[in-house]
PDB file of N, CA and C in Angstrom:
ATOM      1  N   UNK A   1       0.815  -1.195   0.000  1.00  0.00           N
ATOM      2  CA  UNK A   1       0.000   0.000   0.000  1.00  0.00           C
ATOM      3  C   UNK A   1       0.861   1.262   0.000  1.00  0.00           C
ATOM      4  N   UNK A   2       1.909   1.249   0.783  1.00  0.00           N
ATOM      5  CA  UNK A   2       2.774   2.408   0.859  1.00  0.00           C
ATOM      6  C   UNK A   2       3.916   2.363  -0.155  1.00  0.00           C
ATOM      7  N   UNK A   3       3.940   1.327  -0.997  1.00  0.00           N
ATOM      8  CA  UNK A   3       5.019   1.193  -1.974  1.00  0.00           C
ATOM      9  C   UNK A   3       5.037   2.351  -2.962  1.00  0.00           C
ATOM     10  N   UNK A   4       3.847   2.790  -3.411  1.00  0.00           N
ATOM     11  CA  UNK A   4       3.783   3.920  -4.332  1.00  0.00           C
ATOM     12  C   UNK A   4       4.274   5.211  -3.697  1.00  0.00           C
ATOM     13  N   UNK A   5       3.953   5.376  -2.423  1.00  0.00           N
ATOM     14  CA  UNK A   5       4.404   6.565  -1.705  1.00  0.00           C
ATOM     15  C   UNK A   5       5.920   6.582  -1.579  1.00  0.00           C
ATOM     16  N   UNK A   6       6.512   5.424  -1.225  1.00  0.00           N
ATOM     17  CA  UNK A   6       7.963   5.372  -1.064  1.00  0.00           C
ATOM     18  C   UNK A   6       8.680   5.536  -2.401  1.00  0.00           C
ATOM     19  N   UNK A   7       8.094   5.015  -3.494  1.00  0.00           N
ATOM     20  CA  UNK A   7       8.694   5.230  -4.806  1.00  0.00           C
ATOM     21  C   UNK A   7       8.668   6.710  -5.179  1.00  0.00           C
ATOM     22  N   UNK A   8       7.572   7.398  -4.842  1.00  0.00           N
ATOM     23  CA  UNK A   8       7.477   8.821  -5.141  1.00  0.00           C
ATOM     24  C   UNK A   8       8.504   9.604  -4.323  1.00  0.00           C
ATOM     25  N   UNK A   9       8.638   9.288  -3.038  1.00  0.00           N
ATOM     26  CA  UNK A   9       9.582   9.992  -2.183  1.00  0.00           C
ATOM     27  C   UNK A   9      11.009   9.741  -2.648  1.00  0.00           C
ATOM     28  N   UNK A  10      11.343   8.528  -3.040  1.00  0.00           N
ATOM     29  CA  UNK A  10      12.708   8.238  -3.486  1.00  0.00           C
ATOM     30  C   UNK A  10      12.999   8.902  -4.832  1.00  0.00           C
ATOM     31  N   UNK A  11      11.986   9.189  -5.622  1.00  0.00           N
ATOM     32  CA  UNK A  11      12.176   9.838  -6.916  1.00  0.00           C
ATOM     33  C   UNK A  11      12.236  11.354  -6.828  1.00  0.00           C
ATOM     34  N   UNK A  12      11.918  11.909  -5.671  1.00  0.00           N
ATOM     35  CA  UNK A  12      11.955  13.362  -5.527  1.00  0.00           C
ATOM     36  C   UNK A  12      13.388  13.862  -5.513  1.00  0.00           C
ATOM     37  N   UNK A  13      13.589  15.056  -6.050  1.00  0.00           N
ATOM     38  CA  UNK A  13      14.918  15.643  -6.105  1.00  0.00           C
ATOM     39  C   UNK A  13      15.203  16.338  -4.774  1.00  0.00           C
ATOM     40  N   UNK A  14      16.404  16.157  -4.279  1.00  0.00           N
ATOM     41  CA  UNK A  14      16.804  16.787  -3.033  1.00  0.00           C
ATOM     42  C   UNK A  14      17.223  18.223  -3.330  1.00  0.00           C
ATOM     43  N   UNK A  15      16.685  19.174  -2.565  1.00  0.00           N
ATOM     44  CA  UNK A  15      16.999  20.580  -2.755  1.00  0.00           C
ATOM     45  C   UNK A  15      18.129  20.944  -1.798  1.00  0.00           C
ATOM     46  N   UNK A  16      19.202  21.443  -2.357  1.00  0.00           N
ATOM     47  CA  UNK A  16      20.317  21.846  -1.508  1.00  0.00           C
ATOM     48  C   UNK A  16      20.072  23.250  -0.979  1.00  0.00           C
ATOM     49  N   UNK A  17      20.871  23.648  -0.005  1.00  0.00           N
ATOM     50  CA  UNK A  17      20.692  24.962   0.604  1.00  0.00           C
ATOM     51  C   UNK A  17      21.006  26.091  -0.375  1.00  0.00           C
ATOM     52  N   UNK A  18      21.928  25.912  -1.305  1.00  0.00           N
ATOM     53  CA  UNK A  18      22.245  26.978  -2.250  1.00  0.00           C
ATOM     54  C   UNK A  18      21.122  27.186  -3.257  1.00  0.00           C
ATOM     55  N   UNK A  19      20.304  26.153  -3.545  1.00  0.00           N
ATOM     56  CA  UNK A  19      19.178  26.310  -4.456  1.00  0.00           C
ATOM     57  C   UNK A  19      18.042  27.103  -3.815  1.00  0.00           C
ATOM     58  N   UNK A  20      17.974  27.105  -2.498  1.00  0.00           N
ATOM     59  CA  UNK A  20      16.923  27.837  -1.807  1.00  0.00           C
ATOM     60  C   UNK A  20      17.137  29.341  -1.959  1.00  0.00           C
ATOM     61  N   UNK A  21      18.373  29.777  -2.185  1.00  0.00           N
ATOM     62  CA  UNK A  21      18.675  31.192  -2.342  1.00  0.00           C
ATOM     63  C   UNK A  21      18.019  31.814  -3.555  1.00  0.00           C
ATOM     64  N   UNK A  22      17.541  31.013  -4.490  1.00  0.00           N
ATOM     65  CA  UNK A  22      16.879  31.518  -5.675  1.00  0.00           C
ATOM     66  C   UNK A  22      15.456  32.003  -5.370  1.00  0.00           C
ATOM     67  N   UNK A  23      14.872  31.560  -4.296  1.00  0.00           N
ATOM     68  CA  UNK A  23      13.469  31.858  -4.001  1.00  0.00           C
ATOM     69  C   UNK A  23      13.173  33.346  -3.812  1.00  0.00           C
ATOM     70  N   UNK A  24      13.981  34.154  -3.122  1.00  0.00           N
ATOM     71  CA  UNK A  24      13.655  35.576  -2.989  1.00  0.00           C
ATOM     72  C   UNK A  24      13.568  36.291  -4.332  1.00  0.00           C
ATOM     73  N   UNK A  25      14.365  35.855  -5.302  1.00  0.00           N
ATOM     74  CA  UNK A  25      14.291  36.453  -6.634  1.00  0.00           C
ATOM     75  C   UNK A  25      12.956  36.196  -7.306  1.00  0.00           C
ATOM     76  N   UNK A  26      12.353  35.066  -7.004  1.00  0.00           N
ATOM     77  CA  UNK A  26      11.059  34.746  -7.607  1.00  0.00           C
ATOM     78  C   UNK A  26       9.935  35.597  -7.028  1.00  0.00           C
ATOM     79  N   UNK A  27      10.115  36.117  -5.816  1.00  0.00           N
ATOM     80  CA  UNK A  27       9.084  36.946  -5.189  1.00  0.00           C
ATOM     81  C   UNK A  27       9.206  38.416  -5.574  1.00  0.00           C
ATOM     82  N   UNK A  28      10.313  38.800  -6.202  1.00  0.00           N
ATOM     83  CA  UNK A  28      10.517  40.209  -6.542  1.00  0.00           C
ATOM     84  C   UNK A  28       9.571  40.675  -7.638  1.00  0.00           C
ATOM     85  N   UNK A  29       9.335  39.853  -8.648  1.00  0.00           N
ATOM     86  CA  UNK A  29       8.461  40.253  -9.753  1.00  0.00           C
ATOM     87  C   UNK A  29       7.023  40.469  -9.277  1.00  0.00           C
ATOM     88  N   UNK A  30       6.407  39.544  -8.530  1.00  0.00           N
ATOM     89  CA  UNK A  30       5.049  39.805  -8.047  1.00  0.00           C
ATOM     90  C   UNK A  30       4.979  40.995  -7.090  1.00  0.00           C
ATOM     91  N   UNK A  31       6.024  41.193  -6.287  1.00  0.00           N
ATOM     92  CA  UNK A  31       6.014  42.329  -5.370  1.00  0.00           C
ATOM     93  C   UNK A  31       6.030  43.634  -6.152  1.00  0.00           C
ATOM     94  N   UNK A  32       6.787  43.690  -7.234  1.00  0.00           N
ATOM     95  CA  UNK A  32       6.806  44.891  -8.076  1.00  0.00           C
ATOM     96  C   UNK A  32       5.456  45.169  -8.702  1.00  0.00           C
ATOM     97  N   UNK A  33       4.767  44.122  -9.132  1.00  0.00           N
ATOM     98  CA  UNK A  33       3.443  44.295  -9.723  1.00  0.00           C
ATOM     99  C   UNK A  33       2.456  44.799  -8.675  1.00  0.00           C
ATOM    100  N   UNK A  34       2.506  44.233  -7.477  1.00  0.00           N
ATOM    101  CA  UNK A  34       1.585  44.641  -6.417  1.00  0.00           C
ATOM    102  C   UNK A  34       1.812  46.100  -6.030  1.00  0.00           C
ATOM    103  N   UNK A  35       3.082  46.493  -5.847  1.00  0.00           N
ATOM    104  CA  UNK A  35       3.367  47.878  -5.474  1.00  0.00           C
ATOM    105  C   UNK A  35       2.997  48.836  -6.598  1.00  0.00           C
ATOM    106  N   UNK A  36       3.250  48.443  -7.834  1.00  0.00           N
ATOM    107  CA  UNK A  36       2.891  49.293  -8.963  1.00  0.00           C
ATOM    108  C   UNK A  36       1.394  49.531  -9.042  1.00  0.00           C
ATOM    109  N   UNK A  37       0.629  48.479  -8.852  1.00  0.00           N
ATOM    110  CA  UNK A  37      -0.836  48.623  -8.908  1.00  0.00           C
ATOM    111  C   UNK A  37      -1.363  49.403  -7.714  1.00  0.00           C
ATOM    112  N   UNK A  38      -0.683  49.282  -6.576  1.00  0.00           N
ATOM    113  CA  UNK A  38      -1.102  50.057  -5.415  1.00  0.00           C
ATOM    114  C   UNK A  38      -0.957  51.549  -5.682  1.00  0.00           C
ATOM    115  N   UNK A  39       0.151  51.941  -6.298  1.00  0.00           N
ATOM    116  CA  UNK A  39       0.357  53.360  -6.589  1.00  0.00           C
ATOM    117  C   UNK A  39      -0.635  53.864  -7.628  1.00  0.00           C
ATOM    118  N   UNK A  40      -0.991  53.035  -8.595  1.00  0.00           N
ATOM    119  CA  UNK A  40      -2.001  53.429  -9.587  1.00  0.00           C
ATOM    120  C   UNK A  40      -3.347  53.621  -8.896  1.00  0.00           C
ATOM    121  N   UNK A  41      -3.721  52.678  -8.016  1.00  0.00           N
ATOM    122  CA  UNK A  41      -4.988  52.780  -7.304  1.00  0.00           C
ATOM    123  C   UNK A  41      -5.007  54.003  -6.392  1.00  0.00           C
ATOM    124  N   UNK A  42      -3.901  54.271  -5.701  1.00  0.00           N
ATOM    125  CA  UNK A  42      -3.848  55.434  -4.817  1.00  0.00           C
ATOM    126  C   UNK A  42      -3.958  56.727  -5.617  1.00  0.00           C
ATOM    127  N   UNK A  43      -3.331  56.789  -6.776  1.00  0.00           N
ATOM    128  CA  UNK A  43      -3.429  57.977  -7.620  1.00  0.00           C
ATOM    129  C   UNK A  43      -4.840  58.219  -8.110  1.00  0.00           C
ATOM    130  N   UNK A  44      -5.512  57.158  -8.491  1.00  0.00           N
ATOM    131  CA  UNK A  44      -6.903  57.305  -8.959  1.00  0.00           C
ATOM    132  C   UNK A  44      -7.830  57.705  -7.819  1.00  0.00           C
ATOM    133  N   UNK A  45      -7.571  57.163  -6.631  1.00  0.00           N
ATOM    134  CA  UNK A  45      -8.390  57.530  -5.480  1.00  0.00           C
ATOM    135  C   UNK A  45      -8.188  58.996  -5.119  1.00  0.00           C
ATOM    136  N   UNK A  46      -6.949  59.481  -5.205  1.00  0.00           N
ATOM    137  CA  UNK A  46      -6.667  60.886  -4.958  1.00  0.00           C
ATOM    138  C   UNK A  46      -7.398  61.766  -5.979  1.00  0.00           C
ATOM    139  N   UNK A  47      -7.428  61.338  -7.230  1.00  0.00           N
ATOM    140  CA  UNK A  47      -8.100  62.098  -8.265  1.00  0.00           C
ATOM    141  C   UNK A  47      -9.610  62.167  -8.000  1.00  0.00           C
ATOM    142  N   UNK A  48     -10.200  61.061  -7.570  1.00  0.00           N
ATOM    143  CA  UNK A  48     -11.637  61.036  -7.263  1.00  0.00           C
ATOM    144  C   UNK A  48     -11.943  61.950  -6.080  1.00  0.00           C
ATOM    145  N   UNK A  49     -11.130  61.892  -5.036  1.00  0.00           N
ATOM    146  CA  UNK A  49     -11.364  62.741  -3.865  1.00  0.00           C
ATOM    147  C   UNK A  49     -11.190  64.220  -4.200  1.00  0.00           C
ATOM    148  N   UNK A  50     -10.236  64.529  -5.071  1.00  0.00           N
ATOM    149  CA  UNK A  50     -10.026  65.917  -5.471  1.00  0.00           C
ATOM    150  C   UNK A  50     -11.231  66.437  -6.248  1.00  0.00           C
ATOM    151  N   UNK A  51     -11.783  65.607  -7.127  1.00  0.00           N
ATOM    152  CA  UNK A  51     -12.971  66.019  -7.883  1.00  0.00           C
ATOM    153  C   UNK A  51     -14.184  66.170  -6.969  1.00  0.00           C
ATOM    154  N   UNK A  52     -14.281  65.280  -5.961  1.00  0.00           N
ATOM    155  CA  UNK A  52     -15.387  65.400  -5.018  1.00  0.00           C
ATOM    156  C   UNK A  52     -15.291  66.711  -4.248  1.00  0.00           C
ATOM    157  N   UNK A  53     -14.078  67.075  -3.844  1.00  0.00           N
ATOM    158  CA  UNK A  53     -13.871  68.331  -3.121  1.00  0.00           C
ATOM    159  C   UNK A  53     -14.259  69.514  -4.000  1.00  0.00           C
ATOM    160  N   UNK A  54     -13.886  69.474  -5.265  1.00  0.00           N
ATOM    161  CA  UNK A  54     -14.235  70.561  -6.184  1.00  0.00           C
ATOM    162  C   UNK A  54     -15.752  70.676  -6.338  1.00  0.00           C
ATOM    163  N   UNK A  55     -16.430  69.534  -6.472  1.00  0.00           N
ATOM    164  CA  UNK A  55     -17.893  69.567  -6.623  1.00  0.00           C
ATOM    165  C   UNK A  55     -18.555  70.064  -5.350  1.00  0.00           C
ATOM    166  N   UNK A  56     -18.046  69.646  -4.194  1.00  0.00           N
ATOM    167  CA  UNK A  56     -18.632  70.068  -2.931  1.00  0.00           C
ATOM    168  C   UNK A  56     -18.444  71.568  -2.722  1.00  0.00           C
ATOM    169  N   UNK A  57     -17.257  72.084  -3.038  1.00  0.00           N
ATOM    170  CA  UNK A  57     -17.006  73.525  -2.913  1.00  0.00           C
ATOM    171  C   UNK A  57     -17.868  74.314  -3.895  1.00  0.00           C
ATOM    172  N   UNK A  58     -18.059  73.788  -5.092  1.00  0.00           N
ATOM    173  CA  UNK A  58     -18.912  74.459  -6.068  1.00  0.00           C
ATOM    174  C   UNK A  58     -20.364  74.482  -5.580  1.00  0.00           C
ATOM    175  N   UNK A  59     -20.805  73.428  -4.945  1.00  0.00           N
ATOM    176  CA  UNK A  59     -22.172  73.387  -4.412  1.00  0.00           C
ATOM    177  C   UNK A  59     -22.357  74.424  -3.306  1.00  0.00           C
ATOM    178  N   UNK A  60     -21.366  74.534  -2.420  1.00  0.00           N
ATOM    179  CA  UNK A  60     -21.468  75.506  -1.332  1.00  0.00           C
ATOM    180  C   UNK A  60     -21.442  76.939  -1.855  1.00  0.00           C
ATOM    181  N   UNK A  61     -20.604  77.232  -2.803  1.00  0.00           N
ATOM    182  CA  UNK A  61     -20.546  78.601  -3.341  1.00  0.00           C
ATOM    183  C   UNK A  61     -21.798  78.909  -4.145  1.00  0.00           C
ATOM    184  N   UNK A  62     -22.379  77.933  -4.792  1.00  0.00           N
ATOM    185  CA  UNK A  62     -23.593  78.157  -5.563  1.00  0.00           C
ATOM    186  C   UNK A  62     -24.744  78.536  -4.626  1.00  0.00           C
ATOM    187  N   UNK A  63     -24.836  77.853  -3.509  1.00  0.00           N
ATOM    188  CA  UNK A  63     -25.907  78.163  -2.551  1.00  0.00           C
ATOM    189  C   UNK A  63     -25.687  79.520  -1.902  1.00  0.00           C
ATOM    190  N   UNK A  64     -24.431  79.913  -1.721  1.00  0.00           N
ATOM    191  CA  UNK A  64     -24.147  81.196  -1.101  1.00  0.00           C
ATOM    192  C   UNK A  64     -24.578  82.370  -2.010  1.00  0.00           C
ATOM    193  N   UNK A  65     -24.454  82.191  -3.315  1.00  0.00           N
ATOM    194  CA  UNK A  65     -24.807  83.262  -4.235  1.00  0.00           C
ATOM    195  C   UNK A  65     -26.303  83.320  -4.529  1.00  0.00           C
ATOM    196  N   UNK A  66     -27.098  82.292  -4.183  1.00  0.00           N
ATOM    197  CA  UNK A  66     -28.537  82.302  -4.433  1.00  0.00           C
ATOM    198  C   UNK A  66     -29.246  83.257  -3.500  1.00  0.00           C
ATOM    199  N   UNK A  67     -28.851  83.297  -2.263  1.00  0.00           N
ATOM    200  CA  UNK A  67     -29.574  84.022  -1.230  1.00  0.00           C
ATOM    201  C   UNK A  67     -29.331  85.450  -1.241  1.00  0.00           C
TER     202      UNK A  67
END
């Protein structure tokens, strides 16, 4: 029953400690994408808030000139 499991384990490649050093390089590309998209999202959110402020100020000044 466990013969297939032991054959699979014996066929696995042993990872040496120097091969593990490659792993941080693999995380750099996704981290760059995440940070890049965060800055795009933050810029768009700033633009939306700035437009909201402009509309709100225009509404207040419009009401002030009616009376």
